[in-house]
Amino acid sequence: MVNEEHEWMIKMGVWEAFLRSKVPKDAKVISTTWAMKNKSNGTFKPRVNARGFMQIVGEHYMVDSISSPVTNEATIRVVLVLLIIFKCTNELVDMKGVF
């Protein structure tokens, strides 16, 4: 699973690999780690996590540029009502490579 996720990230251009010797002297390299999320079917979903605790606000990122896609209960209810109105079926789909 980890290899599959890693290959997908390379294919989609999520990051660019390069030698540490090519990193500018004043740049800070942020390391990553893999986290495994236990799924309901007994398998694991690998995720790459940047070790963001090493970052400094204003130097490595700006507070106003942080966003996270979220939904609320009302949106979920509207989608479910639309499924009922249009007599659609709803099933759980495992999306690979979704952030």
N, C-alpha and C. Protein backbone atom coordinates (compact mmCIF):
# COMPACT_ATOMS: atom_id res chain seq x y z
N MET A 1 0.81 -1.20 0.00
CA MET A 1 0.00 0.00 0.00
C MET A 1 0.86 1.26 0.00
N VAL A 2 1.94 1.26 0.79
CA VAL A 2 2.79 2.43 0.86
C VAL A 2 3.43 2.69 -0.50
N ASN A 3 3.91 1.63 -1.13
CA ASN A 3 4.54 1.79 -2.45
C ASN A 3 3.54 2.33 -3.47
N GLU A 4 2.30 1.83 -3.41
CA GLU A 4 1.25 2.29 -4.32
C GLU A 4 0.96 3.79 -4.12
N GLU A 5 0.83 4.20 -2.88
CA GLU A 5 0.58 5.61 -2.56
C GLU A 5 1.76 6.48 -2.99
N HIS A 6 2.98 6.00 -2.74
CA HIS A 6 4.19 6.73 -3.10
C HIS A 6 4.27 6.91 -4.62
N GLU A 7 4.00 5.84 -5.36
CA GLU A 7 4.03 5.92 -6.83
C GLU A 7 2.99 6.91 -7.35
N TRP A 8 1.78 6.91 -6.73
CA TRP A 8 0.73 7.84 -7.15
C TRP A 8 1.19 9.28 -6.92
N MET A 9 1.81 9.56 -5.79
CA MET A 9 2.27 10.92 -5.48
C MET A 9 3.34 11.37 -6.46
N ILE A 10 4.23 10.48 -6.83
CA ILE A 10 5.26 10.82 -7.82
C ILE A 10 4.60 11.10 -9.17
N LYS A 11 3.65 10.24 -9.57
CA LYS A 11 2.95 10.41 -10.85
C LYS A 11 2.21 11.74 -10.91
N MET A 12 1.58 12.15 -9.82
CA MET A 12 0.79 13.38 -9.77
C MET A 12 1.64 14.62 -9.51
N GLY A 13 2.92 14.45 -9.30
CA GLY A 13 3.81 15.60 -9.08
C GLY A 13 3.58 16.29 -7.75
N VAL A 14 3.26 15.50 -6.71
CA VAL A 14 3.00 16.07 -5.39
C VAL A 14 4.25 16.73 -4.85
N TRP A 15 5.39 16.16 -5.11
CA TRP A 15 6.65 16.75 -4.69
C TRP A 15 7.72 16.49 -5.73
N GLU A 16 8.84 17.11 -5.53
CA GLU A 16 9.97 16.92 -6.42
C GLU A 16 11.16 16.50 -5.57
N ALA A 17 11.73 15.36 -5.89
CA ALA A 17 12.88 14.86 -5.13
C ALA A 17 14.17 15.46 -5.68
N PHE A 18 15.07 15.81 -4.77
CA PHE A 18 16.38 16.30 -5.19
C PHE A 18 17.38 16.05 -4.07
N LEU A 19 18.64 16.12 -4.40
CA LEU A 19 19.70 15.85 -3.43
C LEU A 19 19.81 16.97 -2.40
N ARG A 20 20.14 16.62 -1.16
CA ARG A 20 20.32 17.63 -0.12
C ARG A 20 21.43 18.61 -0.47
N SER A 21 22.41 18.16 -1.24
CA SER A 21 23.50 19.04 -1.63
C SER A 21 23.02 20.17 -2.54
N LYS A 22 21.84 19.98 -3.17
CA LYS A 22 21.27 20.99 -4.06
C LYS A 22 20.38 21.99 -3.31
N VAL A 23 20.10 21.73 -2.03
CA VAL A 23 19.26 22.63 -1.24
C VAL A 23 20.06 23.87 -0.89
N PRO A 24 19.49 25.07 -1.08
CA PRO A 24 20.20 26.29 -0.69
C PRO A 24 20.54 26.27 0.81
N LYS A 25 21.65 26.86 1.16
CA LYS A 25 22.13 26.84 2.55
C LYS A 25 21.13 27.46 3.52
N ASP A 26 20.38 28.48 3.10
CA ASP A 26 19.45 29.16 4.01
C ASP A 26 18.06 28.51 4.03
N ALA A 27 17.85 27.44 3.25
CA ALA A 27 16.54 26.76 3.22
C ALA A 27 16.46 25.72 4.33
N LYS A 28 15.24 25.51 4.81
CA LYS A 28 15.02 24.51 5.85
C LYS A 28 14.28 23.33 5.23
N VAL A 29 14.81 22.14 5.41
CA VAL A 29 14.20 20.92 4.89
C VAL A 29 13.27 20.37 5.97
N ILE A 30 12.03 20.13 5.59
CA ILE A 30 11.04 19.59 6.53
C ILE A 30 10.89 18.11 6.24
N SER A 31 11.12 17.29 7.22
CA SER A 31 11.04 15.84 7.03
C SER A 31 9.58 15.38 7.04
N THR A 32 9.37 14.16 6.59
CA THR A 32 8.03 13.57 6.56
C THR A 32 8.05 12.22 7.26
N THR A 33 6.86 11.73 7.55
CA THR A 33 6.71 10.40 8.13
C THR A 33 5.43 9.78 7.58
N TRP A 34 5.38 8.48 7.53
CA TRP A 34 4.20 7.77 7.06
C TRP A 34 3.31 7.45 8.26
N ALA A 35 2.01 7.66 8.11
CA ALA A 35 1.03 7.29 9.13
C ALA A 35 0.05 6.31 8.50
N MET A 36 -0.31 5.29 9.23
CA MET A 36 -1.24 4.29 8.72
C MET A 36 -2.59 4.44 9.41
N LYS A 37 -3.63 4.68 8.62
CA LYS A 37 -4.99 4.81 9.16
C LYS A 37 -5.69 3.46 8.99
N ASN A 38 -6.24 2.94 10.08
CA ASN A 38 -6.94 1.67 10.05
C ASN A 38 -8.31 1.87 9.42
N LYS A 39 -8.60 1.14 8.34
CA LYS A 39 -9.88 1.25 7.66
C LYS A 39 -10.84 0.19 8.18
N SER A 40 -12.14 0.37 7.91
CA SER A 40 -13.17 -0.52 8.44
C SER A 40 -13.06 -1.95 7.90
N ASN A 41 -12.44 -2.13 6.74
CA ASN A 41 -12.33 -3.48 6.18
C ASN A 41 -11.08 -4.22 6.64
N GLY A 42 -10.35 -3.66 7.61
CA GLY A 42 -9.18 -4.32 8.18
C GLY A 42 -7.87 -3.97 7.50
N THR A 43 -7.90 -3.19 6.43
CA THR A 43 -6.67 -2.78 5.76
C THR A 43 -6.23 -1.42 6.29
N PHE A 44 -5.11 -0.97 5.82
CA PHE A 44 -4.58 0.32 6.26
C PHE A 44 -4.44 1.26 5.08
N LYS A 45 -4.69 2.55 5.32
CA LYS A 45 -4.53 3.60 4.31
C LYS A 45 -3.29 4.40 4.70
N PRO A 46 -2.23 4.34 3.88
CA PRO A 46 -1.03 5.11 4.21
C PRO A 46 -1.20 6.59 3.88
N ARG A 47 -0.63 7.45 4.72
CA ARG A 47 -0.62 8.90 4.48
C ARG A 47 0.78 9.43 4.77
N VAL A 48 1.19 10.40 4.00
CA VAL A 48 2.46 11.07 4.27
C VAL A 48 2.14 12.34 5.05
N ASN A 49 2.81 12.51 6.16
CA ASN A 49 2.61 13.69 6.98
C ASN A 49 3.91 14.48 7.05
N ALA A 50 3.81 15.76 6.72
CA ALA A 50 4.96 16.65 6.90
C ALA A 50 5.09 16.94 8.39
N ARG A 51 6.29 16.96 8.87
CA ARG A 51 6.52 17.21 10.29
C ARG A 51 6.52 18.73 10.50
N GLY A 52 5.31 19.27 10.46
CA GLY A 52 5.09 20.71 10.48
C GLY A 52 5.51 21.41 11.76
N PHE A 53 5.70 20.67 12.84
CA PHE A 53 6.13 21.31 14.08
C PHE A 53 7.49 21.96 13.94
N MET A 54 8.20 21.65 12.87
CA MET A 54 9.52 22.25 12.64
C MET A 54 9.40 23.60 11.93
N GLN A 55 8.20 23.98 11.50
CA GLN A 55 8.00 25.22 10.76
C GLN A 55 7.79 26.40 11.69
N ILE A 56 8.14 27.58 11.19
CA ILE A 56 7.97 28.81 11.94
C ILE A 56 6.99 29.70 11.18
N VAL A 57 5.94 30.18 11.89
CA VAL A 57 4.93 31.05 11.27
C VAL A 57 5.60 32.30 10.72
N GLY A 58 5.24 32.67 9.49
CA GLY A 58 5.79 33.87 8.87
C GLY A 58 7.09 33.62 8.13
N GLU A 59 7.79 32.55 8.51
CA GLU A 59 9.05 32.23 7.82
C GLU A 59 8.84 31.12 6.80
N HIS A 60 8.14 30.07 7.20
CA HIS A 60 7.93 28.92 6.33
C HIS A 60 6.53 28.88 5.73
N TYR A 61 5.59 29.58 6.36
CA TYR A 61 4.23 29.64 5.83
C TYR A 61 3.53 30.86 6.42
N MET A 62 2.45 31.29 5.75
CA MET A 62 1.67 32.42 6.24
C MET A 62 0.35 31.89 6.78
N VAL A 63 -0.09 32.43 7.91
CA VAL A 63 -1.30 31.95 8.57
C VAL A 63 -2.51 32.07 7.66
N ASP A 64 -2.62 33.13 6.87
CA ASP A 64 -3.79 33.34 6.02
C ASP A 64 -3.82 32.43 4.79
N SER A 65 -2.76 31.65 4.56
CA SER A 65 -2.74 30.75 3.41
C SER A 65 -3.10 29.31 3.80
N ILE A 66 -3.49 29.09 5.04
CA ILE A 66 -3.84 27.75 5.50
C ILE A 66 -5.33 27.52 5.26
N SER A 67 -5.67 26.41 4.62
CA SER A 67 -7.07 26.06 4.43
C SER A 67 -7.21 24.55 4.47
N SER A 68 -8.38 24.10 4.82
CA SER A 68 -8.65 22.68 4.87
C SER A 68 -10.07 22.45 4.37
N PRO A 69 -10.24 21.59 3.37
CA PRO A 69 -11.59 21.34 2.88
C PRO A 69 -12.39 20.56 3.92
N VAL A 70 -13.51 21.12 4.31
CA VAL A 70 -14.37 20.48 5.31
C VAL A 70 -15.82 20.57 4.86
N THR A 71 -16.66 19.80 5.49
CA THR A 71 -18.09 19.88 5.23
C THR A 71 -18.80 19.94 6.58
N ASN A 72 -20.04 20.32 6.53
CA ASN A 72 -20.80 20.35 7.78
C ASN A 72 -22.02 19.44 7.66
N GLU A 73 -22.72 19.28 8.75
CA GLU A 73 -23.86 18.37 8.80
C GLU A 73 -24.96 18.76 7.81
N ALA A 74 -25.19 20.05 7.63
CA ALA A 74 -26.24 20.51 6.71
C ALA A 74 -25.94 20.09 5.27
N THR A 75 -24.70 20.19 4.86
CA THR A 75 -24.31 19.79 3.51
C THR A 75 -24.55 18.31 3.29
N ILE A 76 -24.19 17.51 4.26
CA ILE A 76 -24.40 16.06 4.15
C ILE A 76 -25.89 15.75 4.04
N ARG A 77 -26.69 16.44 4.83
CA ARG A 77 -28.15 16.21 4.78
C ARG A 77 -28.73 16.60 3.42
N VAL A 78 -28.27 17.71 2.85
CA VAL A 78 -28.75 18.15 1.53
C VAL A 78 -28.41 17.10 0.48
N VAL A 79 -27.20 16.59 0.52
CA VAL A 79 -26.79 15.57 -0.45
C VAL A 79 -27.65 14.32 -0.29
N LEU A 80 -27.91 13.90 0.93
CA LEU A 80 -28.75 12.72 1.15
C LEU A 80 -30.18 12.95 0.67
N VAL A 81 -30.71 14.13 0.90
CA VAL A 81 -32.07 14.45 0.43
C VAL A 81 -32.11 14.43 -1.10
N LEU A 82 -31.09 14.98 -1.74
CA LEU A 82 -31.04 14.96 -3.21
C LEU A 82 -30.97 13.53 -3.74
N LEU A 83 -30.23 12.66 -3.04
CA LEU A 83 -30.18 11.25 -3.44
C LEU A 83 -31.57 10.63 -3.39
N ILE A 84 -32.34 10.97 -2.35
CA ILE A 84 -33.70 10.42 -2.20
C ILE A 84 -34.62 10.99 -3.28
N ILE A 85 -34.57 12.30 -3.49
CA ILE A 85 -35.44 12.95 -4.48
C ILE A 85 -35.22 12.38 -5.88
N PHE A 86 -33.96 12.22 -6.26
CA PHE A 86 -33.64 11.74 -7.60
C PHE A 86 -33.50 10.22 -7.69
N LYS A 87 -33.87 9.55 -6.59
CA LYS A 87 -33.86 8.08 -6.53
C LYS A 87 -32.52 7.50 -6.94
N CYS A 88 -31.47 8.10 -6.43
CA CYS A 88 -30.12 7.61 -6.69
C CYS A 88 -29.71 6.65 -5.57
N THR A 89 -28.73 5.83 -5.88
CA THR A 89 -28.18 4.96 -4.84
C THR A 89 -26.88 5.57 -4.33
N ASN A 90 -26.62 5.30 -3.09
CA ASN A 90 -25.42 5.82 -2.46
C ASN A 90 -24.61 4.65 -1.94
N GLU A 91 -23.32 4.61 -2.26
CA GLU A 91 -22.47 3.56 -1.72
C GLU A 91 -21.13 4.16 -1.34
N LEU A 92 -20.48 3.50 -0.41
CA LEU A 92 -19.17 3.96 0.06
C LEU A 92 -18.13 3.63 -0.99
N VAL A 93 -17.34 4.60 -1.36
CA VAL A 93 -16.29 4.42 -2.36
C VAL A 93 -14.96 4.79 -1.74
N ASP A 94 -13.98 3.95 -1.92
CA ASP A 94 -12.65 4.23 -1.41
C ASP A 94 -11.85 4.94 -2.50
N MET A 95 -11.61 6.24 -2.29
CA MET A 95 -10.89 7.03 -3.28
C MET A 95 -9.40 6.97 -2.99
N LYS A 96 -8.64 6.56 -3.96
CA LYS A 96 -7.18 6.50 -3.78
C LYS A 96 -6.58 7.83 -4.20
N GLY A 97 -5.61 8.28 -3.44
CA GLY A 97 -4.90 9.50 -3.79
C GLY A 97 -5.67 10.76 -3.60
N VAL A 98 -6.60 10.79 -2.68
CA VAL A 98 -7.37 11.99 -2.40
C VAL A 98 -6.79 12.68 -1.18
N PHE A 99 -6.62 13.98 -1.25
CA PHE A 99 -6.04 14.70 -0.10
C PHE A 99 -7.15 15.32 0.70
